Amino acid sequence: MRDNPICASVDFDQDGVQHGHLRLPHSRDDSAWGSVMIPICVLKNGAGPTALFTGGNHGDEYEGPLALSALAQSLQPREIKGRVIILPFMNQPAFAAGTRVSPLDQGNMNRMFPGRPDGTPTQKIADYFQRILLPMADIVLDFHSGGKTLDFLPFAASHVLEDKAQEAQCRAARDAFNAPFSLEMREIDSLGMYDDAAEGLGKIFVTTELGGGGTATPDTTAIARKGVRNLLIHAGILAEELDLAPTRHLSQPDGACFHFAQDAGLIEFHVHLGDKVTEGDTLARIWGIHHLNHAPLVVPAQMDGIVTARHHPGLIQAGDCLTVLSVEHSP
């Protein structure tokens, strides 16, 4: 397989703190020998575990980039044992444009793994993570939120895995992150996800959804900042006491959790995030926008559960995810 064209300006084996870039050559109309510059911070102090923390996998999600930018400026090598690799803007072109996917190739970073060293810019970045960064890591955190089109209860998540020992380690790390909600997450479409890439290499992996609407709030940013330090403590990299508060445990048992719009139109929600609903309750109505003599389409709950996610803009297209439910249970 070809070598990846990305060059790192940092030495991953050097003790201390280094701020630099991953430089991806990218020829374009206004710069024949241009580059995509992805900021990276590496902190190392002797032997120990390696944490790989990323934000900006999707470019319109902001809690992770805020928390990781602050961590890169505040964390000191003398505080840690091991190594911390921080990339607040994983898909830098998408983040700079404020879009979910890259403006360079319309690449959705979280559907591009394992990537290709000779592919599009997004595929090259994915390949670098797959073959260079992930193998270094013991614990991996990838921040997400709802971006411009979804809004979530603030949760940290892990997945059901075939390797039950690995699943238990991921679950313990998820709970150590200590978001207000801790979710055993079901993915609509896991093909090509960074999650699967990390878990497939046997890594402890935690992800989040910390809000949405294309912005970050003081509350969701505080959850993210606390969570990254808690994970470093949990991993044995940072010698402090965990900052823990009560968390509610959720799971998504099957596809009935997901509710998709059967038609386009104007959404009238009948529930709030966090509401408990019963099967058959009206979650929302979708009003047509081309005729005034058509009754709105009623969207009923397919199961009992807690409203965990909802579509964010007032207009929706047929096939879009409208609402997601989860089931609360004892840990």
C-alpha atoms as a PDB file:
ATOM      1  CA  MET A   1       0.000   0.000   0.000  1.00  0.00           C
ATOM      2  CA  ARG A   2       1.189   3.525  -0.767  1.00  0.00           C
ATOM      3  CA  ASP A   3       2.519   5.764   1.984  1.00  0.00           C
ATOM      4  CA  ASN A   4       0.138   8.421   3.202  1.00  0.00           C
ATOM      5  CA  PRO A   5       1.095  11.884   1.882  1.00  0.00           C
ATOM      6  CA  ILE A   6       0.353  13.629   5.201  1.00  0.00           C
ATOM      7  CA  CYS A   7       3.434  14.885   7.044  1.00  0.00           C
ATOM      8  CA  ALA A   8       3.446  15.629  10.790  1.00  0.00           C
ATOM      9  CA  SER A   9       5.480  18.554  12.116  1.00  0.00           C
ATOM     10  CA  VAL A  10       5.514  16.944  15.588  1.00  0.00           C
ATOM     11  CA  ASP A  11       7.530  14.022  16.940  1.00  0.00           C
ATOM     12  CA  PHE A  12       5.118  11.610  18.607  1.00  0.00           C
ATOM     13  CA  ASP A  13       7.911  10.043  20.687  1.00  0.00           C
ATOM     14  CA  GLN A  14       9.386  13.263  22.091  1.00  0.00           C
ATOM     15  CA  ASP A  15       8.740  14.247  25.701  1.00  0.00           C
ATOM     16  CA  GLY A  16       7.282  17.677  26.399  1.00  0.00           C
ATOM     17  CA  VAL A  17       4.584  19.620  24.594  1.00  0.00           C
ATOM     18  CA  GLN A  18       4.519  20.235  20.838  1.00  0.00           C
ATOM     19  CA  HIS A  19       2.081  22.315  18.842  1.00  0.00           C
ATOM     20  CA  GLY A  20       2.145  21.726  15.113  1.00  0.00           C
ATOM     21  CA  HIS A  21       0.208  20.495  12.110  1.00  0.00           C
ATOM     22  CA  LEU A  22      -0.570  17.531   9.962  1.00  0.00           C
ATOM     23  CA  ARG A  23       0.132  18.880   6.473  1.00  0.00           C
ATOM     24  CA  LEU A  24      -1.804  17.342   3.588  1.00  0.00           C
ATOM     25  CA  PRO A  25      -0.640  18.489   0.130  1.00  0.00           C
ATOM     26  CA  HIS A  26      -3.641  19.739  -1.814  1.00  0.00           C
ATOM     27  CA  SER A  27      -3.271  21.366  -5.218  1.00  0.00           C
ATOM     28  CA  ARG A  28      -6.026  23.852  -6.027  1.00  0.00           C
ATOM     29  CA  ASP A  29      -6.790  26.689  -8.437  1.00  0.00           C
ATOM     30  CA  ASP A  30      -5.304  29.418  -6.252  1.00  0.00           C
ATOM     31  CA  SER A  31      -2.294  27.420  -5.023  1.00  0.00           C
ATOM     32  CA  ALA A  32      -0.693  24.743  -7.177  1.00  0.00           C
ATOM     33  CA  TRP A  33       1.355  23.488  -4.244  1.00  0.00           C
ATOM     34  CA  GLY A  34      -1.120  24.222  -1.482  1.00  0.00           C
ATOM     35  CA  SER A  35      -1.802  22.270   1.700  1.00  0.00           C
ATOM     36  CA  VAL A  36      -4.516  21.442   4.192  1.00  0.00           C
ATOM     37  CA  MET A  37      -3.100  22.255   7.640  1.00  0.00           C
ATOM     38  CA  ILE A  38      -4.667  20.299  10.513  1.00  0.00           C
ATOM     39  CA  PRO A  39      -3.608  21.587  13.968  1.00  0.00           C
ATOM     40  CA  ILE A  40      -2.269  18.977  16.391  1.00  0.00           C
ATOM     41  CA  CYS A  41      -0.924  19.057  19.937  1.00  0.00           C
ATOM     42  CA  VAL A  42       1.117  16.233  21.447  1.00  0.00           C
ATOM     43  CA  LEU A  43       1.985  16.066  25.152  1.00  0.00           C
ATOM     44  CA  LYS A  44       4.257  13.314  26.460  1.00  0.00           C
ATOM     45  CA  ASN A  45       5.889  12.493  29.757  1.00  0.00           C
ATOM     46  CA  GLY A  46       7.662   9.163  29.842  1.00  0.00           C
ATOM     47  CA  ALA A  47       6.074   5.767  29.447  1.00  0.00           C
ATOM     48  CA  GLY A  48       2.352   5.247  29.885  1.00  0.00           C
ATOM     49  CA  PRO A  49      -0.940   5.018  28.036  1.00  0.00           C
ATOM     50  CA  THR A  50      -1.772   7.104  24.972  1.00  0.00           C
ATOM     51  CA  ALA A  51      -5.026   9.037  24.635  1.00  0.00           C
ATOM     52  CA  LEU A  52      -6.194  10.201  21.191  1.00  0.00           C
ATOM     53  CA  PHE A  53      -8.816  12.965  21.432  1.00  0.00           C
ATOM     54  CA  THR A  54     -10.610  14.394  18.388  1.00  0.00           C
ATOM     55  CA  GLY A  55     -13.255  16.993  17.636  1.00  0.00           C
ATOM     56  CA  GLY A  56     -14.515  18.408  14.358  1.00  0.00           C
ATOM     57  CA  ASN A  57     -15.069  15.012  12.736  1.00  0.00           C
ATOM     58  CA  HIS A  58     -18.105  16.862  11.425  1.00  0.00           C
ATOM     59  CA  GLY A  59     -17.405  20.531  10.841  1.00  0.00           C
ATOM     60  CA  ASP A  60     -20.554  22.041  12.370  1.00  0.00           C
ATOM     61  CA  GLU A  61     -20.169  20.523  15.855  1.00  0.00           C
ATOM     62  CA  TYR A  62     -18.456  22.717  18.428  1.00  0.00           C
ATOM     63  CA  GLU A  63     -18.254  21.342  21.977  1.00  0.00           C
ATOM     64  CA  GLY A  64     -15.334  19.063  21.161  1.00  0.00           C
ATOM     65  CA  PRO A  65     -13.270  21.697  19.380  1.00  0.00           C
ATOM     66  CA  LEU A  66     -13.826  24.111  22.279  1.00  0.00           C
ATOM     67  CA  ALA A  67     -12.913  21.580  24.964  1.00  0.00           C
ATOM     68  CA  LEU A  68      -9.870  20.249  23.102  1.00  0.00           C
ATOM     69  CA  SER A  69      -8.542  23.690  22.155  1.00  0.00           C
ATOM     70  CA  ALA A  70      -8.657  24.624  25.839  1.00  0.00           C
ATOM     71  CA  LEU A  71      -7.024  21.333  26.849  1.00  0.00           C
ATOM     72  CA  ALA A  72      -4.176  21.870  24.376  1.00  0.00           C
ATOM     73  CA  GLN A  73      -3.419  25.238  25.990  1.00  0.00           C
ATOM     74  CA  SER A  74      -3.880  24.259  29.638  1.00  0.00           C
ATOM     75  CA  LEU A  75      -2.538  20.709  30.053  1.00  0.00           C
ATOM     76  CA  GLN A  76       1.127  20.477  31.034  1.00  0.00           C
ATOM     77  CA  PRO A  77       3.470  17.512  30.438  1.00  0.00           C
ATOM     78  CA  ARG A  78       4.457  17.453  34.113  1.00  0.00           C
ATOM     79  CA  GLU A  79       0.810  16.698  35.007  1.00  0.00           C
ATOM     80  CA  ILE A  80       0.612  13.515  32.962  1.00  0.00           C
ATOM     81  CA  LYS A  81       2.119  10.067  32.677  1.00  0.00           C
ATOM     82  CA  GLY A  82       2.089   8.831  29.100  1.00  0.00           C
ATOM     83  CA  ARG A  83       0.946  10.681  25.997  1.00  0.00           C
ATOM     84  CA  VAL A  84      -2.021  12.778  24.872  1.00  0.00           C
ATOM     85  CA  ILE A  85      -2.649  13.495  21.168  1.00  0.00           C
ATOM     86  CA  ILE A  86      -5.160  16.297  20.588  1.00  0.00           C
ATOM     87  CA  LEU A  87      -6.807  17.198  17.255  1.00  0.00           C
ATOM     88  CA  PRO A  88      -9.698  19.625  17.801  1.00  0.00           C
ATOM     89  CA  PHE A  89     -10.448  19.937  14.045  1.00  0.00           C
ATOM     90  CA  MET A  90     -10.150  16.427  12.623  1.00  0.00           C
ATOM     91  CA  ASN A  91     -11.877  17.343   9.346  1.00  0.00           C
ATOM     92  CA  GLN A  92     -10.265  20.781   9.136  1.00  0.00           C
ATOM     93  CA  PRO A  93     -11.721  21.799   5.747  1.00  0.00           C
ATOM     94  CA  ALA A  94     -15.264  21.045   6.950  1.00  0.00           C
ATOM     95  CA  PHE A  95     -14.677  22.809  10.263  1.00  0.00           C
ATOM     96  CA  ALA A  96     -13.290  25.935   8.590  1.00  0.00           C
ATOM     97  CA  ALA A  97     -16.381  26.040   6.353  1.00  0.00           C
ATOM     98  CA  GLY A  98     -18.813  25.296   9.202  1.00  0.00           C
ATOM     99  CA  THR A  99     -20.261  22.357   7.270  1.00  0.00           C
ATOM    100  CA  ARG A 100     -20.891  18.721   8.166  1.00  0.00           C
ATOM    101  CA  VAL A 101     -18.914  17.433   5.170  1.00  0.00           C
ATOM    102  CA  SER A 102     -15.734  18.658   3.514  1.00  0.00           C
ATOM    103  CA  PRO A 103     -16.125  21.376   0.870  1.00  0.00           C
ATOM    104  CA  LEU A 104     -13.118  19.876  -0.933  1.00  0.00           C
ATOM    105  CA  ASP A 105     -14.752  16.559  -1.864  1.00  0.00           C
ATOM    106  CA  GLN A 106     -18.126  16.425  -0.043  1.00  0.00           C
ATOM    107  CA  GLY A 107     -16.533  13.768   2.154  1.00  0.00           C
ATOM    108  CA  ASN A 108     -18.244  12.784   5.405  1.00  0.00           C
ATOM    109  CA  MET A 109     -15.243  11.939   7.575  1.00  0.00           C
ATOM    110  CA  ASN A 110     -17.298   9.614   9.749  1.00  0.00           C
ATOM    111  CA  ARG A 111     -18.187   7.415   6.756  1.00  0.00           C
ATOM    112  CA  MET A 112     -14.724   7.335   5.139  1.00  0.00           C
ATOM    113  CA  PHE A 113     -12.826   4.708   7.138  1.00  0.00           C
ATOM    114  CA  PRO A 114     -10.482   2.978   6.567  1.00  0.00           C
ATOM    115  CA  GLY A 115      -9.716   5.659   3.982  1.00  0.00           C
ATOM    116  CA  ARG A 116      -7.237   5.602   1.117  1.00  0.00           C
ATOM    117  CA  PRO A 117      -3.750   7.121   0.868  1.00  0.00           C
ATOM    118  CA  ASP A 118      -4.360   7.863  -2.840  1.00  0.00           C
ATOM    119  CA  GLY A 119      -7.991   8.965  -2.508  1.00  0.00           C
ATOM    120  CA  THR A 120      -9.776  12.257  -1.955  1.00  0.00           C
ATOM    121  CA  PRO A 121      -8.573  14.655   0.783  1.00  0.00           C
ATOM    122  CA  THR A 122     -11.070  13.231   3.296  1.00  0.00           C
ATOM    123  CA  GLN A 123     -10.045   9.675   2.449  1.00  0.00           C
ATOM    124  CA  LYS A 124      -6.370  10.587   2.930  1.00  0.00           C
ATOM    125  CA  ILE A 125      -7.072  12.053   6.374  1.00  0.00           C
ATOM    126  CA  ALA A 126      -9.054   8.938   7.330  1.00  0.00           C
ATOM    127  CA  ASP A 127      -6.203   6.698   6.145  1.00  0.00           C
ATOM    128  CA  TYR A 128      -3.724   8.644   8.284  1.00  0.00           C
ATOM    129  CA  PHE A 129      -5.863   8.104  11.359  1.00  0.00           C
ATOM    130  CA  GLN A 130      -6.430   4.444  10.497  1.00  0.00           C
ATOM    131  CA  ARG A 131      -2.792   3.517   9.870  1.00  0.00           C
ATOM    132  CA  ILE A 132      -0.763   6.071  11.862  1.00  0.00           C
ATOM    133  CA  LEU A 133      -2.698   7.583  14.772  1.00  0.00           C
ATOM    134  CA  LEU A 134      -5.125   4.889  15.919  1.00  0.00           C
ATOM    135  CA  PRO A 135      -2.420   2.206  16.319  1.00  0.00           C
ATOM    136  CA  MET A 136      -0.631   4.510  18.808  1.00  0.00           C
ATOM    137  CA  ALA A 137      -3.697   4.921  21.019  1.00  0.00           C
ATOM    138  CA  ASP A 138      -4.980   3.006  24.037  1.00  0.00           C
ATOM    139  CA  ILE A 139      -8.077   5.133  24.591  1.00  0.00           C
ATOM    140  CA  VAL A 140      -9.901   7.170  21.933  1.00  0.00           C
ATOM    141  CA  LEU A 141     -12.466   9.949  22.378  1.00  0.00           C
ATOM    142  CA  ASP A 142     -14.311  11.395  19.382  1.00  0.00           C
ATOM    143  CA  PHE A 143     -16.596  14.338  20.183  1.00  0.00           C
ATOM    144  CA  HIS A 144     -19.905  14.791  18.385  1.00  0.00           C
ATOM    145  CA  SER A 145     -23.058  16.844  18.765  1.00  0.00           C
ATOM    146  CA  GLY A 146     -26.091  17.412  16.563  1.00  0.00           C
ATOM    147  CA  GLY A 147     -24.595  19.989  14.238  1.00  0.00           C
ATOM    148  CA  LYS A 148     -27.049  22.180  12.364  1.00  0.00           C
ATOM    149  CA  THR A 149     -29.723  19.527  11.813  1.00  0.00           C
ATOM    150  CA  LEU A 150     -30.163  17.653  15.117  1.00  0.00           C
ATOM    151  CA  ASP A 151     -30.372  18.355  18.836  1.00  0.00           C
ATOM    152  CA  PHE A 152     -29.520  15.783  21.528  1.00  0.00           C
ATOM    153  CA  LEU A 153     -29.707  15.205  25.222  1.00  0.00           C
ATOM    154  CA  PRO A 154     -26.068  15.563  26.341  1.00  0.00           C
ATOM    155  CA  PHE A 155     -24.678  12.024  26.479  1.00  0.00           C
ATOM    156  CA  ALA A 156     -21.489   9.999  26.263  1.00  0.00           C
ATOM    157  CA  ALA A 157     -21.878   6.726  24.381  1.00  0.00           C
ATOM    158  CA  SER A 158     -20.371   3.307  23.871  1.00  0.00           C
ATOM    159  CA  HIS A 159     -21.471   0.415  21.651  1.00  0.00           C
ATOM    160  CA  VAL A 160     -22.375  -3.243  21.946  1.00  0.00           C
ATOM    161  CA  LEU A 161     -19.292  -5.200  20.812  1.00  0.00           C
ATOM    162  CA  GLU A 162     -18.552  -8.837  20.061  1.00  0.00           C
ATOM    163  CA  ASP A 163     -15.580  -8.687  22.438  1.00  0.00           C
ATOM    164  CA  LYS A 164     -17.354  -8.368  25.794  1.00  0.00           C
ATOM    165  CA  ALA A 165     -14.172  -7.510  27.682  1.00  0.00           C
ATOM    166  CA  GLN A 166     -13.573  -4.600  25.293  1.00  0.00           C
ATOM    167  CA  GLU A 167     -17.253  -3.626  25.546  1.00  0.00           C
ATOM    168  CA  ALA A 168     -16.952  -3.458  29.342  1.00  0.00           C
ATOM    169  CA  GLN A 169     -13.820  -1.293  29.089  1.00  0.00           C
ATOM    170  CA  CYS A 170     -15.571   1.101  26.700  1.00  0.00           C
ATOM    171  CA  ARG A 171     -18.609   1.250  28.967  1.00  0.00           C
ATOM    172  CA  ALA A 172     -16.442   2.036  32.003  1.00  0.00           C
ATOM    173  CA  ALA A 173     -14.672   4.824  30.104  1.00  0.00           C
ATOM    174  CA  ARG A 174     -18.028   6.191  28.907  1.00  0.00           C
ATOM    175  CA  ASP A 175     -19.300   6.319  32.484  1.00  0.00           C
ATOM    176  CA  ALA A 176     -16.062   7.958  33.660  1.00  0.00           C
ATOM    177  CA  PHE A 177     -16.609  10.731  31.100  1.00  0.00           C
ATOM    178  CA  ASN A 178     -19.697  11.376  33.229  1.00  0.00           C
ATOM    179  CA  ALA A 179     -22.049  13.246  30.927  1.00  0.00           C
ATOM    180  CA  PRO A 180     -25.574  13.783  32.314  1.00  0.00           C
ATOM    181  CA  PHE A 181     -26.648  10.740  30.250  1.00  0.00           C
ATOM    182  CA  SER A 182     -24.657   7.580  29.441  1.00  0.00           C
ATOM    183  CA  LEU A 183     -25.941   5.684  26.407  1.00  0.00           C
ATOM    184  CA  GLU A 184     -25.438   2.250  24.921  1.00  0.00           C
ATOM    185  CA  MET A 185     -25.789   3.557  21.380  1.00  0.00           C
ATOM    186  CA  ARG A 186     -27.278   1.974  18.279  1.00  0.00           C
ATOM    187  CA  GLU A 187     -26.038   3.408  14.960  1.00  0.00           C
ATOM    188  CA  ILE A 188     -28.351   3.880  11.963  1.00  0.00           C
ATOM    189  CA  ASP A 189     -25.442   3.311   9.554  1.00  0.00           C
ATOM    190  CA  SER A 190     -22.076   2.242  10.957  1.00  0.00           C
ATOM    191  CA  LEU A 191     -20.352   1.488   7.643  1.00  0.00           C
ATOM    192  CA  GLY A 192     -17.111   3.450   7.396  1.00  0.00           C
ATOM    193  CA  MET A 193     -17.353   5.039  10.844  1.00  0.00           C
ATOM    194  CA  TYR A 194     -14.341   6.138  12.881  1.00  0.00           C
ATOM    195  CA  ASP A 195     -16.022   4.347  15.806  1.00  0.00           C
ATOM    196  CA  ASP A 196     -15.778   1.000  14.029  1.00  0.00           C
ATOM    197  CA  ALA A 197     -12.201   1.706  12.927  1.00  0.00           C
ATOM    198  CA  ALA A 198     -11.083   2.325  16.517  1.00  0.00           C
ATOM    199  CA  GLU A 199     -13.086  -0.549  17.990  1.00  0.00           C
ATOM    200  CA  GLY A 200     -11.898  -2.888  15.231  1.00  0.00           C
ATOM    201  CA  LEU A 201      -8.315  -2.241  16.371  1.00  0.00           C
ATOM    202  CA  GLY A 202      -9.273  -3.186  19.927  1.00  0.00           C
ATOM    203  CA  LYS A 203      -9.199   0.367  21.309  1.00  0.00           C
ATOM    204  CA  ILE A 204     -11.234   1.706  24.215  1.00  0.00           C
ATOM    205  CA  PHE A 205     -13.576   4.087  22.396  1.00  0.00           C
ATOM    206  CA  VAL A 206     -15.978   6.750  23.660  1.00  0.00           C
ATOM    207  CA  THR A 207     -18.094   9.129  21.632  1.00  0.00           C
ATOM    208  CA  THR A 208     -20.595  11.849  22.553  1.00  0.00           C
ATOM    209  CA  GLU A 209     -23.591  13.803  21.419  1.00  0.00           C
ATOM    210  CA  LEU A 210     -23.651  16.963  23.525  1.00  0.00           C
ATOM    211  CA  GLY A 211     -26.372  19.168  22.098  1.00  0.00           C
ATOM    212  CA  GLY A 212     -26.798  20.591  18.631  1.00  0.00           C
ATOM    213  CA  GLY A 213     -28.446  23.302  16.622  1.00  0.00           C
ATOM    214  CA  GLY A 214     -25.132  24.318  15.075  1.00  0.00           C
ATOM    215  CA  THR A 215     -23.808  25.927  18.257  1.00  0.00           C
ATOM    216  CA  ALA A 216     -22.471  25.163  21.729  1.00  0.00           C
ATOM    217  CA  THR A 217     -23.862  26.373  25.051  1.00  0.00           C
ATOM    218  CA  PRO A 218     -22.024  27.100  28.318  1.00  0.00           C
ATOM    219  CA  ASP A 219     -23.554  23.934  29.787  1.00  0.00           C
ATOM    220  CA  THR A 220     -22.573  21.588  26.937  1.00  0.00           C
ATOM    221  CA  THR A 221     -19.080  23.083  26.729  1.00  0.00           C
ATOM    222  CA  ALA A 222     -18.613  22.536  30.469  1.00  0.00           C
ATOM    223  CA  ILE A 223     -19.691  18.884  30.072  1.00  0.00           C
ATOM    224  CA  ALA A 224     -17.082  18.423  27.339  1.00  0.00           C
ATOM    225  CA  ARG A 225     -14.273  20.053  29.316  1.00  0.00           C
ATOM    226  CA  LYS A 226     -14.985  18.004  32.423  1.00  0.00           C
ATOM    227  CA  GLY A 227     -15.299  14.837  30.369  1.00  0.00           C
ATOM    228  CA  VAL A 228     -11.877  15.035  28.723  1.00  0.00           C
ATOM    229  CA  ARG A 229     -10.126  15.422  32.064  1.00  0.00           C
ATOM    230  CA  ASN A 230     -12.172  12.599  33.569  1.00  0.00           C
ATOM    231  CA  LEU A 231     -11.119  10.303  30.721  1.00  0.00           C
ATOM    232  CA  LEU A 232      -7.457  11.169  31.251  1.00  0.00           C
ATOM    233  CA  ILE A 233      -7.866  10.341  34.947  1.00  0.00           C
ATOM    234  CA  HIS A 234      -9.695   7.108  34.135  1.00  0.00           C
ATOM    235  CA  ALA A 235      -6.904   6.087  31.737  1.00  0.00           C
ATOM    236  CA  GLY A 236      -4.222   6.664  34.388  1.00  0.00           C
ATOM    237  CA  ILE A 237      -2.653   9.523  32.423  1.00  0.00           C
ATOM    238  CA  LEU A 238      -3.699  12.312  34.795  1.00  0.00           C
ATOM    239  CA  ALA A 239      -3.320  11.828  38.571  1.00  0.00           C
ATOM    240  CA  GLU A 240      -6.433  13.514  39.954  1.00  0.00           C
ATOM    241  CA  GLU A 241      -9.777  12.497  41.442  1.00  0.00           C
ATOM    242  CA  LEU A 242     -12.655  11.926  39.031  1.00  0.00           C
ATOM    243  CA  ASP A 243     -15.226  14.726  39.011  1.00  0.00           C
ATOM    244  CA  LEU A 244     -18.439  12.696  39.127  1.00  0.00           C
ATOM    245  CA  ALA A 245     -22.094  13.655  39.227  1.00  0.00           C
ATOM    246  CA  PRO A 246     -25.196  11.460  38.798  1.00  0.00           C
ATOM    247  CA  THR A 247     -25.692  10.133  35.258  1.00  0.00           C
ATOM    248  CA  ARG A 248     -28.775   8.473  33.794  1.00  0.00           C
ATOM    249  CA  HIS A 249     -28.213   5.263  31.836  1.00  0.00           C
ATOM    250  CA  LEU A 250     -29.953   4.768  28.503  1.00  0.00           C
ATOM    251  CA  SER A 251     -29.959   2.126  25.779  1.00  0.00           C
ATOM    252  CA  GLN A 252     -31.414   1.753  22.297  1.00  0.00           C
ATOM    253  CA  PRO A 253     -32.670  -1.825  21.994  1.00  0.00           C
ATOM    254  CA  ASP A 254     -33.746  -1.877  18.338  1.00  0.00           C
ATOM    255  CA  GLY A 255     -34.673   0.117  15.249  1.00  0.00           C
ATOM    256  CA  ALA A 256     -38.001   1.220  16.734  1.00  0.00           C
ATOM    257  CA  CYS A 257     -36.023   3.929  18.532  1.00  0.00           C
ATOM    258  CA  PHE A 258     -35.674   5.843  15.260  1.00  0.00           C
ATOM    259  CA  HIS A 259     -38.531   7.825  13.721  1.00  0.00           C
ATOM    260  CA  PHE A 260     -38.186   9.106  10.151  1.00  0.00           C
ATOM    261  CA  ALA A 261     -40.314  11.647   8.318  1.00  0.00           C
ATOM    262  CA  GLN A 262     -42.572  10.030   5.722  1.00  0.00           C
ATOM    263  CA  ASP A 263     -43.174  13.373   4.022  1.00  0.00           C
ATOM    264  CA  ALA A 264     -41.635  16.822   3.794  1.00  0.00           C
ATOM    265  CA  GLY A 265     -43.038  19.854   5.546  1.00  0.00           C
ATOM    266  CA  LEU A 266     -43.131  22.050   8.639  1.00  0.00           C
ATOM    267  CA  ILE A 267     -42.551  20.270  11.977  1.00  0.00           C
ATOM    268  CA  GLU A 268     -44.754  20.869  15.006  1.00  0.00           C
ATOM    269  CA  PHE A 269     -43.168  18.987  17.908  1.00  0.00           C
ATOM    270  CA  HIS A 270     -45.420  17.800  20.716  1.00  0.00           C
ATOM    271  CA  VAL A 271     -42.560  16.678  22.986  1.00  0.00           C
ATOM    272  CA  HIS A 272     -39.356  18.082  24.445  1.00  0.00           C
ATOM    273  CA  LEU A 273     -35.941  16.483  24.766  1.00  0.00           C
ATOM    274  CA  GLY A 274     -35.989  14.354  27.908  1.00  0.00           C
ATOM    275  CA  ASP A 275     -39.757  13.774  27.903  1.00  0.00           C
ATOM    276  CA  LYS A 276     -41.053  10.284  28.662  1.00  0.00           C
ATOM    277  CA  VAL A 277     -43.482   9.011  26.024  1.00  0.00           C
ATOM    278  CA  THR A 278     -45.661   5.944  25.601  1.00  0.00           C
ATOM    279  CA  GLU A 279     -46.104   3.957  22.406  1.00  0.00           C
ATOM    280  CA  GLY A 280     -48.713   5.720  20.290  1.00  0.00           C
ATOM    281  CA  ASP A 281     -48.157   9.188  21.782  1.00  0.00           C
ATOM    282  CA  THR A 282     -47.875  11.946  19.200  1.00  0.00           C
ATOM    283  CA  LEU A 283     -44.244  13.006  18.848  1.00  0.00           C
ATOM    284  CA  ALA A 284     -44.837  15.586  16.147  1.00  0.00           C
ATOM    285  CA  ARG A 285     -47.040  16.650  13.278  1.00  0.00           C
ATOM    286  CA  ILE A 286     -45.708  17.538   9.837  1.00  0.00           C
ATOM    287  CA  TRP A 287     -47.671  20.251   8.063  1.00  0.00           C
ATOM    288  CA  GLY A 288     -47.602  20.463   4.285  1.00  0.00           C
ATOM    289  CA  ILE A 289     -46.361  23.734   2.860  1.00  0.00           C
ATOM    290  CA  HIS A 290     -47.967  23.646  -0.593  1.00  0.00           C
ATOM    291  CA  HIS A 291     -51.671  23.214   0.258  1.00  0.00           C
ATOM    292  CA  LEU A 292     -53.800  24.470   3.140  1.00  0.00           C
ATOM    293  CA  ASN A 293     -56.571  21.863   2.843  1.00  0.00           C
ATOM    294  CA  HIS A 294     -54.385  18.830   3.733  1.00  0.00           C
ATOM    295  CA  ALA A 295     -54.344  17.535   7.319  1.00  0.00           C
ATOM    296  CA  PRO A 296     -50.909  17.327   8.942  1.00  0.00           C
ATOM    297  CA  LEU A 297     -49.117  13.984   9.077  1.00  0.00           C
ATOM    298  CA  VAL A 298     -49.065  12.646  12.651  1.00  0.00           C
ATOM    299  CA  VAL A 299     -45.877  10.895  13.817  1.00  0.00           C
ATOM    300  CA  PRO A 300     -46.635   8.489  16.720  1.00  0.00           C
ATOM    301  CA  ALA A 301     -44.092   6.962  19.081  1.00  0.00           C
ATOM    302  CA  GLN A 302     -43.203   3.413  18.022  1.00  0.00           C
ATOM    303  CA  MET A 303     -42.278   2.426  21.597  1.00  0.00           C
ATOM    304  CA  ASP A 304     -42.140   3.630  25.188  1.00  0.00           C
ATOM    305  CA  GLY A 305     -39.048   5.703  25.865  1.00  0.00           C
ATOM    306  CA  ILE A 306     -37.300   8.994  26.509  1.00  0.00           C
ATOM    307  CA  VAL A 307     -36.908  11.592  23.774  1.00  0.00           C
ATOM    308  CA  THR A 308     -33.149  11.594  23.173  1.00  0.00           C
ATOM    309  CA  ALA A 309     -32.791  13.445  19.872  1.00  0.00           C
ATOM    310  CA  ARG A 310     -34.903  15.575  17.551  1.00  0.00           C
ATOM    311  CA  HIS A 311     -34.633  17.236  14.165  1.00  0.00           C
ATOM    312  CA  HIS A 312     -33.525  20.828  14.603  1.00  0.00           C
ATOM    313  CA  PRO A 313     -34.639  23.098  11.725  1.00  0.00           C
ATOM    314  CA  GLY A 314     -38.340  23.797  11.399  1.00  0.00           C
ATOM    315  CA  LEU A 315     -38.521  22.225   7.939  1.00  0.00           C
ATOM    316  CA  ILE A 316     -37.894  18.551   7.251  1.00  0.00           C
ATOM    317  CA  GLN A 317     -37.479  16.402   4.140  1.00  0.00           C
ATOM    318  CA  ALA A 318     -38.942  12.945   3.579  1.00  0.00           C
ATOM    319  CA  GLY A 319     -36.564  10.346   5.006  1.00  0.00           C
ATOM    320  CA  ASP A 320     -34.933  12.680   7.539  1.00  0.00           C
ATOM    321  CA  CYS A 321     -34.611  11.482  11.123  1.00  0.00           C
ATOM    322  CA  LEU A 322     -37.309  13.276  13.118  1.00  0.00           C
ATOM    323  CA  THR A 323     -36.952  11.871  16.651  1.00  0.00           C
ATOM    324  CA  VAL A 324     -34.934   9.235  18.492  1.00  0.00           C
ATOM    325  CA  LEU A 325     -36.095   7.471  21.662  1.00  0.00           C
ATOM    326  CA  SER A 326     -34.075   5.563  24.247  1.00  0.00           C
ATOM    327  CA  VAL A 327     -34.920   3.335  27.190  1.00  0.00           C
ATOM    328  CA  GLU A 328     -33.761   4.238  30.702  1.00  0.00           C
ATOM    329  CA  HIS A 329     -32.452   1.480  32.954  1.00  0.00           C
ATOM    330  CA  SER A 330     -30.405   0.927  36.071  1.00  0.00           C
ATOM    331  CA  PRO A 331     -26.627   0.719  35.489  1.00  0.00           C
END
